[in-house]
Amino acid sequence: MTTPPVPPPALERFALKQKLSMLTNRFEVRAGDGDGPVLAMAQQKRMAMREQVTFFADEQQRVPVFGFKARGIMDLGTTYDVTDAAGQPIGWFRKDFGASLLRSTFHVGVPHQGLEGSGQERSQLVAVLRRFTDFGWPVHFDFAAAGGVPIMSIERRWSLRDAYQVELPAAPNGARMDWRVAACLAVGCDVLLER
C-alpha cells in the first residue's frame, strides 16, 4: 500500500471539527475555512492512561500520517511529542498548568523550524466564565514567538460541537508553523481545555 502525500508543512489556515462518537474524540482537519479537502482524521480514546492521538490520511484509519503522545502518564504538566508518519519528532507542546488556573496557557516548539512560542486564551473574562459554565463559549488562543511575533491563532466558534479555525501567519522570513504541529496543538487544546 502506498502512502498518500501529506500536504507540505506550510499551510496558511485550516479548520478542525470534532465529530460525535461514543467512546472516542474524533476530529476532522480540512484545508481553508473548512470547505477544503480533508487533510487528516484524528482519534483519541477517552480516559486513556497516556494521552495519544494519531492522525490518519483516511477515515478508515489505514494510513497514519502524524500524531502526538504524552511523555508521562496522568501528569498534568507533561510535554506532548509530535511525530511524523515515520515516528520522527517534528515538534512538541505542553499546557502550563500554573499559568492556566485563570487563563489556559500552552507552550509549543517546532525544532526543525527553529520556532518556539507560547499562547493563552485571549479573554480573561471568558476564560473564567468557561470554568464554571462551559456550554460552547467561543475560545480564542493567540500564540507568539520571542519578541511577540504571531505564529498561530486558534478560535473556537459558538457551537455545541467543537469547531476551530486555525490561522498560521507568515513570519517576517515568510515561514509558517508546520501545520501538523498546529493541528496536534489544536486537538490538544480541545482535549486539555477542561483540565
N, C-alpha and C. Protein backbone atom coordinates (compact mmCIF):
# COMPACT_ATOMS: atom_id res chain seq x y z
N MET A 1 0.84 -1.17 0.00
CA MET A 1 0.00 0.00 0.00
C MET A 1 0.89 1.24 0.00
N THR A 2 0.60 2.17 -0.87
CA THR A 2 1.37 3.40 -0.92
C THR A 2 0.74 4.44 -0.01
N THR A 3 1.57 5.26 0.56
CA THR A 3 1.11 6.31 1.45
C THR A 3 0.75 7.54 0.62
N PRO A 4 -0.50 8.07 0.80
CA PRO A 4 -0.84 9.28 0.06
C PRO A 4 0.01 10.44 0.52
N PRO A 5 0.26 11.39 -0.37
CA PRO A 5 1.11 12.52 0.02
C PRO A 5 0.44 13.36 1.10
N VAL A 6 1.25 13.81 2.05
CA VAL A 6 0.78 14.72 3.09
C VAL A 6 1.08 16.13 2.59
N PRO A 7 0.12 17.06 2.71
CA PRO A 7 0.41 18.43 2.27
C PRO A 7 1.67 18.96 2.93
N PRO A 8 2.38 19.84 2.26
CA PRO A 8 3.62 20.37 2.83
C PRO A 8 3.37 21.10 4.15
N PRO A 9 4.43 21.22 4.97
CA PRO A 9 4.27 21.87 6.27
C PRO A 9 3.75 23.31 6.21
N ALA A 10 3.92 24.01 5.10
CA ALA A 10 3.47 25.40 5.00
C ALA A 10 2.01 25.45 4.56
N LEU A 11 1.14 25.83 5.48
CA LEU A 11 -0.29 25.95 5.21
C LEU A 11 -0.77 27.19 5.94
N GLU A 12 -1.56 28.02 5.28
CA GLU A 12 -1.97 29.30 5.86
C GLU A 12 -3.08 29.17 6.89
N ARG A 13 -4.05 28.30 6.63
CA ARG A 13 -5.16 28.13 7.57
C ARG A 13 -5.81 26.77 7.36
N PHE A 14 -6.45 26.30 8.43
CA PHE A 14 -7.24 25.07 8.33
C PHE A 14 -8.32 25.09 9.40
N ALA A 15 -9.30 24.21 9.24
CA ALA A 15 -10.40 24.09 10.20
C ALA A 15 -10.32 22.73 10.86
N LEU A 16 -10.67 22.69 12.13
CA LEU A 16 -10.70 21.45 12.91
C LEU A 16 -12.10 21.31 13.47
N LYS A 17 -12.73 20.18 13.22
CA LYS A 17 -14.09 19.96 13.70
C LYS A 17 -14.17 18.63 14.43
N GLN A 18 -14.80 18.66 15.61
CA GLN A 18 -14.99 17.43 16.37
C GLN A 18 -16.21 16.71 15.82
N LYS A 19 -16.08 15.39 15.68
CA LYS A 19 -17.18 14.57 15.21
C LYS A 19 -17.69 13.76 16.40
N LEU A 20 -19.00 13.58 16.47
CA LEU A 20 -19.60 12.87 17.60
C LEU A 20 -19.29 11.38 17.55
N SER A 21 -18.90 10.83 18.70
CA SER A 21 -18.60 9.41 18.83
C SER A 21 -18.72 9.06 20.31
N MET A 22 -19.18 7.86 20.60
CA MET A 22 -19.44 7.47 21.99
C MET A 22 -18.16 7.26 22.82
N LEU A 23 -17.20 6.52 22.29
CA LEU A 23 -16.05 6.12 23.08
C LEU A 23 -14.77 6.88 22.77
N THR A 24 -14.80 7.69 21.73
CA THR A 24 -13.58 8.39 21.33
C THR A 24 -13.90 9.84 20.96
N ASN A 25 -12.88 10.67 21.02
CA ASN A 25 -12.96 12.00 20.45
C ASN A 25 -12.43 11.88 19.03
N ARG A 26 -13.22 12.27 18.05
CA ARG A 26 -12.80 12.19 16.65
C ARG A 26 -12.75 13.61 16.08
N PHE A 27 -11.74 13.88 15.28
CA PHE A 27 -11.55 15.20 14.72
C PHE A 27 -11.27 15.09 13.22
N GLU A 28 -11.75 16.08 12.50
CA GLU A 28 -11.51 16.17 11.07
C GLU A 28 -10.77 17.48 10.80
N VAL A 29 -9.68 17.41 10.05
CA VAL A 29 -8.90 18.59 9.70
C VAL A 29 -9.10 18.85 8.21
N ARG A 30 -9.59 20.06 7.89
CA ARG A 30 -9.81 20.43 6.49
C ARG A 30 -9.06 21.70 6.16
N ALA A 31 -8.58 21.78 4.95
CA ALA A 31 -7.86 22.97 4.50
C ALA A 31 -8.80 24.16 4.42
N GLY A 32 -8.24 25.36 4.46
CA GLY A 32 -9.00 26.59 4.31
C GLY A 32 -9.92 26.85 5.48
N ASP A 33 -11.13 27.29 5.18
CA ASP A 33 -12.11 27.62 6.21
C ASP A 33 -12.98 26.43 6.59
N GLY A 34 -12.58 25.24 6.19
CA GLY A 34 -13.35 24.04 6.49
C GLY A 34 -14.07 23.50 5.27
N ASP A 35 -13.95 24.23 4.16
CA ASP A 35 -14.60 23.79 2.93
C ASP A 35 -13.61 23.16 1.95
N GLY A 36 -12.35 23.06 2.37
CA GLY A 36 -11.32 22.48 1.52
C GLY A 36 -11.24 20.97 1.70
N PRO A 37 -10.26 20.35 1.08
CA PRO A 37 -10.12 18.90 1.19
C PRO A 37 -9.74 18.48 2.61
N VAL A 38 -10.08 17.23 2.95
CA VAL A 38 -9.69 16.67 4.24
C VAL A 38 -8.18 16.45 4.24
N LEU A 39 -7.51 17.01 5.24
CA LEU A 39 -6.06 16.84 5.38
C LEU A 39 -5.73 15.65 6.25
N ALA A 40 -6.54 15.43 7.29
CA ALA A 40 -6.28 14.33 8.22
C ALA A 40 -7.50 14.09 9.09
N MET A 41 -7.59 12.88 9.61
CA MET A 41 -8.62 12.50 10.58
C MET A 41 -7.90 12.04 11.84
N ALA A 42 -8.39 12.46 13.00
CA ALA A 42 -7.74 12.10 14.26
C ALA A 42 -8.72 11.40 15.18
N GLN A 43 -8.17 10.55 16.03
CA GLN A 43 -8.99 9.85 17.01
C GLN A 43 -8.24 9.76 18.32
N GLN A 44 -8.94 10.03 19.42
CA GLN A 44 -8.34 9.97 20.75
C GLN A 44 -9.27 9.20 21.67
N LYS A 45 -8.75 8.18 22.34
CA LYS A 45 -9.55 7.41 23.29
C LYS A 45 -9.79 8.24 24.53
N ARG A 46 -11.02 8.25 25.00
CA ARG A 46 -11.32 8.97 26.23
C ARG A 46 -10.84 8.16 27.42
N MET A 47 -10.42 8.86 28.46
CA MET A 47 -10.00 8.26 29.72
C MET A 47 -8.77 7.36 29.55
N ALA A 48 -7.90 7.65 28.60
CA ALA A 48 -6.68 6.86 28.42
C ALA A 48 -5.68 7.22 29.50
N MET A 49 -4.86 6.25 29.91
CA MET A 49 -3.84 6.50 30.92
C MET A 49 -2.77 7.45 30.39
N ARG A 50 -2.44 7.32 29.11
CA ARG A 50 -1.44 8.19 28.50
C ARG A 50 -2.07 8.75 27.22
N GLU A 51 -2.17 10.07 27.18
CA GLU A 51 -2.78 10.70 26.01
C GLU A 51 -1.98 10.39 24.75
N GLN A 52 -2.67 9.93 23.73
CA GLN A 52 -2.06 9.68 22.45
C GLN A 52 -3.13 9.89 21.38
N VAL A 53 -2.79 10.66 20.38
CA VAL A 53 -3.71 10.92 19.27
C VAL A 53 -2.95 10.67 17.97
N THR A 54 -3.55 9.88 17.10
CA THR A 54 -2.96 9.61 15.80
C THR A 54 -3.83 10.23 14.72
N PHE A 55 -3.20 10.91 13.78
CA PHE A 55 -3.89 11.50 12.63
C PHE A 55 -3.68 10.57 11.44
N PHE A 56 -4.76 10.31 10.73
CA PHE A 56 -4.73 9.40 9.58
C PHE A 56 -5.07 10.15 8.31
N ALA A 57 -4.60 9.62 7.19
CA ALA A 57 -4.89 10.22 5.89
C ALA A 57 -6.30 9.87 5.42
N ASP A 58 -6.91 8.85 6.02
CA ASP A 58 -8.22 8.37 5.57
C ASP A 58 -9.12 8.07 6.77
N GLU A 59 -10.41 8.13 6.55
CA GLU A 59 -11.37 7.90 7.63
C GLU A 59 -11.36 6.46 8.11
N GLN A 60 -10.91 5.54 7.29
CA GLN A 60 -10.83 4.13 7.68
C GLN A 60 -9.62 3.86 8.57
N GLN A 61 -8.80 4.88 8.78
CA GLN A 61 -7.64 4.82 9.67
C GLN A 61 -6.64 3.74 9.26
N ARG A 62 -6.35 3.70 7.99
CA ARG A 62 -5.38 2.73 7.47
C ARG A 62 -3.99 3.33 7.35
N VAL A 63 -3.92 4.65 7.12
CA VAL A 63 -2.62 5.27 6.84
C VAL A 63 -2.35 6.39 7.85
N PRO A 64 -1.55 6.11 8.91
CA PRO A 64 -1.19 7.18 9.85
C PRO A 64 -0.22 8.15 9.19
N VAL A 65 -0.41 9.46 9.46
CA VAL A 65 0.45 10.47 8.84
C VAL A 65 1.23 11.31 9.86
N PHE A 66 0.70 11.47 11.07
CA PHE A 66 1.41 12.13 12.16
C PHE A 66 0.60 11.96 13.42
N GLY A 67 1.12 12.41 14.56
CA GLY A 67 0.37 12.29 15.81
C GLY A 67 1.15 12.88 16.97
N PHE A 68 0.57 12.74 18.16
CA PHE A 68 1.26 13.18 19.37
C PHE A 68 1.00 12.23 20.51
N LYS A 69 1.94 12.21 21.45
CA LYS A 69 1.85 11.30 22.59
C LYS A 69 2.46 11.96 23.81
N ALA A 70 1.82 11.77 24.96
CA ALA A 70 2.31 12.33 26.22
C ALA A 70 3.58 11.61 26.65
N ARG A 71 4.52 12.37 27.18
CA ARG A 71 5.74 11.76 27.71
C ARG A 71 5.46 11.03 29.01
N GLY A 72 4.55 11.58 29.81
CA GLY A 72 4.24 10.99 31.12
C GLY A 72 2.85 10.39 31.16
N ILE A 73 2.60 9.64 32.22
CA ILE A 73 1.30 9.02 32.43
C ILE A 73 0.56 9.83 33.48
N MET A 74 -0.64 10.28 33.13
CA MET A 74 -1.50 11.02 34.06
C MET A 74 -0.77 12.17 34.73
N ASP A 75 0.05 12.88 34.00
CA ASP A 75 0.82 14.01 34.53
C ASP A 75 0.25 15.29 33.94
N LEU A 76 -0.27 16.16 34.79
CA LEU A 76 -0.94 17.37 34.30
C LEU A 76 0.01 18.32 33.58
N GLY A 77 1.30 18.26 33.88
CA GLY A 77 2.23 19.18 33.25
C GLY A 77 3.13 18.52 32.21
N THR A 78 2.71 17.39 31.69
CA THR A 78 3.57 16.66 30.77
C THR A 78 3.71 17.37 29.43
N THR A 79 4.78 17.03 28.74
CA THR A 79 5.00 17.52 27.39
C THR A 79 4.50 16.47 26.42
N TYR A 80 3.93 16.92 25.30
CA TYR A 80 3.43 16.03 24.26
C TYR A 80 4.36 16.13 23.06
N ASP A 81 4.88 14.99 22.62
CA ASP A 81 5.78 14.96 21.48
C ASP A 81 4.98 14.74 20.20
N VAL A 82 5.23 15.56 19.18
CA VAL A 82 4.57 15.44 17.88
C VAL A 82 5.55 14.75 16.94
N THR A 83 5.07 13.70 16.26
CA THR A 83 5.92 12.94 15.35
C THR A 83 5.27 12.82 13.98
N ASP A 84 6.10 12.58 12.96
CA ASP A 84 5.58 12.36 11.61
C ASP A 84 5.19 10.90 11.44
N ALA A 85 4.85 10.50 10.22
CA ALA A 85 4.38 9.15 9.95
C ALA A 85 5.42 8.09 10.28
N ALA A 86 6.69 8.45 10.19
CA ALA A 86 7.78 7.50 10.48
C ALA A 86 8.16 7.50 11.96
N GLY A 87 7.46 8.30 12.77
CA GLY A 87 7.78 8.38 14.20
C GLY A 87 8.90 9.33 14.54
N GLN A 88 9.32 10.13 13.57
CA GLN A 88 10.39 11.10 13.80
C GLN A 88 9.82 12.37 14.44
N PRO A 89 10.48 12.93 15.44
CA PRO A 89 9.96 14.13 16.11
C PRO A 89 9.94 15.34 15.18
N ILE A 90 8.82 16.07 15.22
CA ILE A 90 8.70 17.31 14.44
C ILE A 90 8.30 18.49 15.32
N GLY A 91 7.94 18.23 16.58
CA GLY A 91 7.56 19.32 17.46
C GLY A 91 7.10 18.81 18.82
N TRP A 92 6.65 19.73 19.65
CA TRP A 92 6.16 19.40 20.98
C TRP A 92 5.23 20.52 21.45
N PHE A 93 4.42 20.22 22.47
CA PHE A 93 3.63 21.25 23.15
C PHE A 93 3.34 20.77 24.56
N ARG A 94 2.99 21.72 25.42
CA ARG A 94 2.58 21.39 26.79
C ARG A 94 1.69 22.48 27.33
N LYS A 95 0.83 22.09 28.25
CA LYS A 95 -0.02 23.06 28.93
C LYS A 95 0.70 23.52 30.18
N ASP A 96 0.72 24.83 30.41
CA ASP A 96 1.33 25.40 31.60
C ASP A 96 0.24 25.47 32.66
N PHE A 97 0.20 24.47 33.54
CA PHE A 97 -0.92 24.38 34.47
C PHE A 97 -0.92 25.46 35.53
N GLY A 98 0.23 25.96 35.92
CA GLY A 98 0.27 27.07 36.87
C GLY A 98 -0.36 28.31 36.28
N ALA A 99 0.05 28.66 35.07
CA ALA A 99 -0.49 29.85 34.39
C ALA A 99 -1.92 29.64 33.93
N SER A 100 -2.36 28.37 33.86
CA SER A 100 -3.69 28.07 33.32
C SER A 100 -4.80 28.09 34.36
N LEU A 101 -4.46 28.41 35.60
CA LEU A 101 -5.51 28.43 36.62
C LEU A 101 -6.59 29.45 36.29
N LEU A 102 -6.21 30.60 35.75
CA LEU A 102 -7.19 31.62 35.39
C LEU A 102 -7.36 31.80 33.89
N ARG A 103 -6.34 31.42 33.12
CA ARG A 103 -6.41 31.56 31.67
C ARG A 103 -5.53 30.48 31.05
N SER A 104 -6.12 29.54 30.30
CA SER A 104 -5.35 28.42 29.74
C SER A 104 -4.17 28.93 28.92
N THR A 105 -3.00 28.34 29.18
CA THR A 105 -1.75 28.75 28.55
C THR A 105 -1.00 27.52 28.06
N PHE A 106 -0.51 27.59 26.82
CA PHE A 106 0.24 26.49 26.22
C PHE A 106 1.57 27.00 25.68
N HIS A 107 2.56 26.09 25.64
CA HIS A 107 3.85 26.37 25.03
C HIS A 107 4.02 25.38 23.88
N VAL A 108 4.70 25.81 22.82
CA VAL A 108 4.88 24.98 21.63
C VAL A 108 6.27 25.18 21.06
N GLY A 109 6.82 24.11 20.47
CA GLY A 109 8.12 24.22 19.82
C GLY A 109 8.15 23.38 18.55
N VAL A 110 8.79 23.90 17.52
CA VAL A 110 8.97 23.20 16.25
C VAL A 110 10.46 23.30 15.92
N PRO A 111 11.28 22.38 16.47
CA PRO A 111 12.73 22.50 16.33
C PRO A 111 13.24 22.59 14.89
N HIS A 112 12.65 21.82 13.95
CA HIS A 112 13.16 21.86 12.58
C HIS A 112 12.92 23.21 11.91
N GLN A 113 12.08 24.05 12.53
CA GLN A 113 11.86 25.41 12.02
C GLN A 113 12.52 26.45 12.92
N GLY A 114 13.16 25.99 14.00
CA GLY A 114 13.77 26.93 14.94
C GLY A 114 12.73 27.81 15.60
N LEU A 115 11.54 27.25 15.84
CA LEU A 115 10.40 28.03 16.32
C LEU A 115 9.99 27.58 17.71
N GLU A 116 9.79 28.53 18.59
CA GLU A 116 9.28 28.25 19.92
C GLU A 116 8.45 29.44 20.37
N GLY A 117 7.31 29.16 21.02
CA GLY A 117 6.45 30.25 21.46
C GLY A 117 5.44 29.78 22.49
N SER A 118 4.57 30.68 22.86
CA SER A 118 3.53 30.35 23.82
C SER A 118 2.27 31.13 23.48
N GLY A 119 1.16 30.66 24.03
CA GLY A 119 -0.12 31.34 23.78
C GLY A 119 -1.09 31.08 24.91
N GLN A 120 -2.07 31.97 25.00
CA GLN A 120 -3.09 31.83 26.04
C GLN A 120 -4.41 32.33 25.52
N GLU A 121 -5.47 32.03 26.28
CA GLU A 121 -6.79 32.50 25.91
C GLU A 121 -6.78 34.02 25.83
N ARG A 122 -7.42 34.54 24.81
CA ARG A 122 -7.42 35.98 24.57
C ARG A 122 -8.20 36.72 25.65
N SER A 123 -9.35 36.20 26.07
CA SER A 123 -10.23 36.90 27.00
C SER A 123 -10.15 36.30 28.41
N GLN A 124 -9.69 37.09 29.36
CA GLN A 124 -9.66 36.65 30.76
C GLN A 124 -11.07 36.39 31.27
N LEU A 125 -12.04 37.23 30.90
CA LEU A 125 -13.41 37.08 31.36
C LEU A 125 -14.02 35.77 30.87
N VAL A 126 -13.90 35.48 29.57
CA VAL A 126 -14.44 34.24 29.03
C VAL A 126 -13.73 33.04 29.64
N ALA A 127 -12.43 33.15 29.87
CA ALA A 127 -11.67 32.05 30.48
C ALA A 127 -12.23 31.71 31.86
N VAL A 128 -12.55 32.71 32.66
CA VAL A 128 -13.09 32.47 34.00
C VAL A 128 -14.53 31.94 33.91
N LEU A 129 -15.37 32.56 33.08
CA LEU A 129 -16.75 32.09 32.93
C LEU A 129 -16.81 30.65 32.42
N ARG A 130 -15.91 30.30 31.49
CA ARG A 130 -15.89 28.96 30.91
C ARG A 130 -15.61 27.89 31.95
N ARG A 131 -14.88 28.24 32.99
CA ARG A 131 -14.55 27.26 34.02
C ARG A 131 -15.77 26.87 34.85
N PHE A 132 -16.79 27.72 34.85
CA PHE A 132 -17.98 27.43 35.64
C PHE A 132 -19.16 26.97 34.78
N THR A 133 -19.24 27.45 33.57
CA THR A 133 -20.36 27.10 32.68
C THR A 133 -19.87 27.02 31.24
N ASP A 134 -19.25 25.92 30.88
CA ASP A 134 -18.77 25.79 29.50
C ASP A 134 -19.84 25.11 28.66
N PHE A 135 -20.60 25.93 27.98
CA PHE A 135 -21.64 25.40 27.09
C PHE A 135 -21.37 25.86 25.66
N GLY A 136 -20.14 25.79 25.27
CA GLY A 136 -19.79 26.16 23.91
C GLY A 136 -19.29 27.58 23.76
N TRP A 137 -18.77 28.18 24.85
CA TRP A 137 -18.22 29.53 24.75
C TRP A 137 -17.21 29.60 23.61
N PRO A 138 -17.13 30.72 22.93
CA PRO A 138 -16.04 30.86 21.96
C PRO A 138 -14.72 30.98 22.73
N VAL A 139 -13.71 30.30 22.24
CA VAL A 139 -12.39 30.33 22.87
C VAL A 139 -11.39 30.77 21.82
N HIS A 140 -10.55 31.73 22.19
CA HIS A 140 -9.56 32.28 21.26
C HIS A 140 -8.19 32.18 21.91
N PHE A 141 -7.26 31.55 21.21
CA PHE A 141 -5.87 31.48 21.66
C PHE A 141 -5.01 32.25 20.68
N ASP A 142 -4.09 33.02 21.19
CA ASP A 142 -3.11 33.73 20.36
C ASP A 142 -1.73 33.25 20.78
N PHE A 143 -0.94 32.76 19.81
CA PHE A 143 0.41 32.27 20.07
C PHE A 143 1.42 33.20 19.42
N ALA A 144 2.51 33.44 20.15
CA ALA A 144 3.58 34.30 19.62
C ALA A 144 4.93 33.72 19.98
N ALA A 145 5.91 33.98 19.12
CA ALA A 145 7.29 33.59 19.38
C ALA A 145 7.96 34.72 20.15
N ALA A 146 9.24 34.56 20.40
CA ALA A 146 10.00 35.60 21.10
C ALA A 146 9.85 36.92 20.36
N GLY A 147 9.74 38.00 21.10
CA GLY A 147 9.58 39.31 20.50
C GLY A 147 8.15 39.62 20.12
N GLY A 148 7.22 38.72 20.46
CA GLY A 148 5.80 38.96 20.18
C GLY A 148 5.37 38.70 18.75
N VAL A 149 6.20 38.01 17.96
CA VAL A 149 5.84 37.72 16.56
C VAL A 149 4.74 36.66 16.53
N PRO A 150 3.55 36.97 15.96
CA PRO A 150 2.46 35.99 15.92
C PRO A 150 2.84 34.77 15.10
N ILE A 151 2.55 33.57 15.66
CA ILE A 151 2.85 32.33 14.93
C ILE A 151 1.62 31.46 14.72
N MET A 152 0.54 31.72 15.48
CA MET A 152 -0.64 30.87 15.37
C MET A 152 -1.79 31.48 16.16
N SER A 153 -3.01 31.26 15.67
CA SER A 153 -4.19 31.58 16.46
C SER A 153 -5.19 30.44 16.28
N ILE A 154 -5.91 30.15 17.35
CA ILE A 154 -6.94 29.11 17.35
C ILE A 154 -8.21 29.77 17.85
N GLU A 155 -9.30 29.62 17.09
CA GLU A 155 -10.57 30.21 17.50
C GLU A 155 -11.67 29.16 17.46
N ARG A 156 -12.31 28.96 18.63
CA ARG A 156 -13.47 28.07 18.69
C ARG A 156 -14.71 28.93 18.58
N ARG A 157 -15.56 28.60 17.65
CA ARG A 157 -16.79 29.35 17.46
C ARG A 157 -17.85 28.92 18.48
N TRP A 158 -18.93 29.74 18.60
CA TRP A 158 -20.08 29.33 19.41
C TRP A 158 -20.62 28.06 18.77
N SER A 159 -20.67 26.97 19.52
CA SER A 159 -21.12 25.72 18.93
C SER A 159 -21.30 24.67 20.01
N LEU A 160 -22.25 23.76 19.80
CA LEU A 160 -22.39 22.63 20.72
C LEU A 160 -21.30 21.61 20.45
N ARG A 161 -20.93 21.46 19.18
CA ARG A 161 -19.78 20.62 18.83
C ARG A 161 -18.59 21.55 18.63
N ASP A 162 -17.45 21.09 19.07
CA ASP A 162 -16.26 21.93 18.95
C ASP A 162 -15.82 22.07 17.51
N ALA A 163 -15.70 23.32 17.06
CA ALA A 163 -15.22 23.63 15.71
C ALA A 163 -14.23 24.78 15.84
N TYR A 164 -13.04 24.60 15.28
CA TYR A 164 -11.97 25.57 15.42
C TYR A 164 -11.49 26.05 14.06
N GLN A 165 -11.09 27.30 14.00
CA GLN A 165 -10.40 27.85 12.83
C GLN A 165 -8.98 28.16 13.28
N VAL A 166 -7.99 27.64 12.56
CA VAL A 166 -6.59 27.81 12.92
C VAL A 166 -5.91 28.63 11.84
N GLU A 167 -5.27 29.72 12.25
CA GLU A 167 -4.54 30.59 11.33
C GLU A 167 -3.04 30.46 11.63
N LEU A 168 -2.25 30.37 10.56
CA LEU A 168 -0.80 30.27 10.70
C LEU A 168 -0.15 31.41 9.92
N PRO A 169 -0.01 32.59 10.55
CA PRO A 169 0.55 33.74 9.84
C PRO A 169 2.02 33.52 9.47
N ALA A 170 2.42 34.14 8.40
CA ALA A 170 3.81 34.05 7.96
C ALA A 170 4.70 34.90 8.86
N ALA A 171 5.85 34.35 9.21
CA ALA A 171 6.86 35.09 9.98
C ALA A 171 7.51 36.10 9.04
N PRO A 172 8.29 37.04 9.58
CA PRO A 172 8.97 38.02 8.72
C PRO A 172 9.80 37.37 7.61
N ASN A 173 10.32 36.16 7.86
CA ASN A 173 11.11 35.48 6.82
C ASN A 173 10.22 34.68 5.86
N GLY A 174 8.89 34.75 6.04
CA GLY A 174 7.96 34.07 5.15
C GLY A 174 7.59 32.67 5.58
N ALA A 175 8.25 32.10 6.59
CA ALA A 175 7.96 30.75 7.06
C ALA A 175 6.69 30.73 7.90
N ARG A 176 6.01 29.60 7.88
CA ARG A 176 4.82 29.39 8.72
C ARG A 176 5.05 28.16 9.59
N MET A 177 4.38 28.13 10.75
CA MET A 177 4.48 26.97 11.61
C MET A 177 4.00 25.73 10.85
N ASP A 178 4.68 24.62 11.05
CA ASP A 178 4.30 23.33 10.46
C ASP A 178 2.85 23.04 10.86
N TRP A 179 1.97 22.89 9.87
CA TRP A 179 0.54 22.72 10.16
C TRP A 179 0.26 21.43 10.93
N ARG A 180 1.12 20.43 10.81
CA ARG A 180 0.91 19.18 11.54
C ARG A 180 1.06 19.41 13.04
N VAL A 181 2.05 20.21 13.42
CA VAL A 181 2.23 20.56 14.84
C VAL A 181 1.06 21.41 15.30
N ALA A 182 0.62 22.34 14.45
CA ALA A 182 -0.53 23.20 14.79
C ALA A 182 -1.80 22.38 14.97
N ALA A 183 -2.00 21.36 14.12
CA ALA A 183 -3.19 20.50 14.24
C ALA A 183 -3.15 19.72 15.55
N CYS A 184 -1.97 19.20 15.91
CA CYS A 184 -1.84 18.48 17.17
C CYS A 184 -2.11 19.41 18.36
N LEU A 185 -1.58 20.63 18.30
CA LEU A 185 -1.79 21.59 19.37
C LEU A 185 -3.27 21.97 19.48
N ALA A 186 -3.95 22.14 18.35
CA ALA A 186 -5.38 22.48 18.36
C ALA A 186 -6.19 21.37 19.01
N VAL A 187 -5.91 20.11 18.66
CA VAL A 187 -6.60 18.99 19.29
C VAL A 187 -6.23 18.94 20.77
N GLY A 188 -4.94 19.16 21.07
CA GLY A 188 -4.51 19.17 22.46
C GLY A 188 -5.22 20.24 23.28
N CYS A 189 -5.38 21.42 22.71
CA CYS A 189 -6.12 22.49 23.39
C CYS A 189 -7.54 22.04 23.70
N ASP A 190 -8.19 21.41 22.73
CA ASP A 190 -9.56 20.94 22.94
C ASP A 190 -9.62 19.88 24.04
N VAL A 191 -8.75 18.90 23.96
CA VAL A 191 -8.76 17.78 24.90
C VAL A 191 -8.35 18.24 26.30
N LEU A 192 -7.41 19.17 26.39
CA LEU A 192 -6.87 19.59 27.68
C LEU A 192 -7.55 20.83 28.26
N LEU A 193 -8.51 21.40 27.54
CA LEU A 193 -9.14 22.64 27.98
C LEU A 193 -9.81 22.51 29.33
N GLU A 194 -10.37 21.35 29.62
CA GLU A 194 -11.11 21.17 30.87
C GLU A 194 -10.23 20.73 32.02
N ARG A 195 -8.94 20.56 31.78
CA ARG A 195 -8.07 20.05 32.85
C ARG A 195 -7.29 21.16 33.50
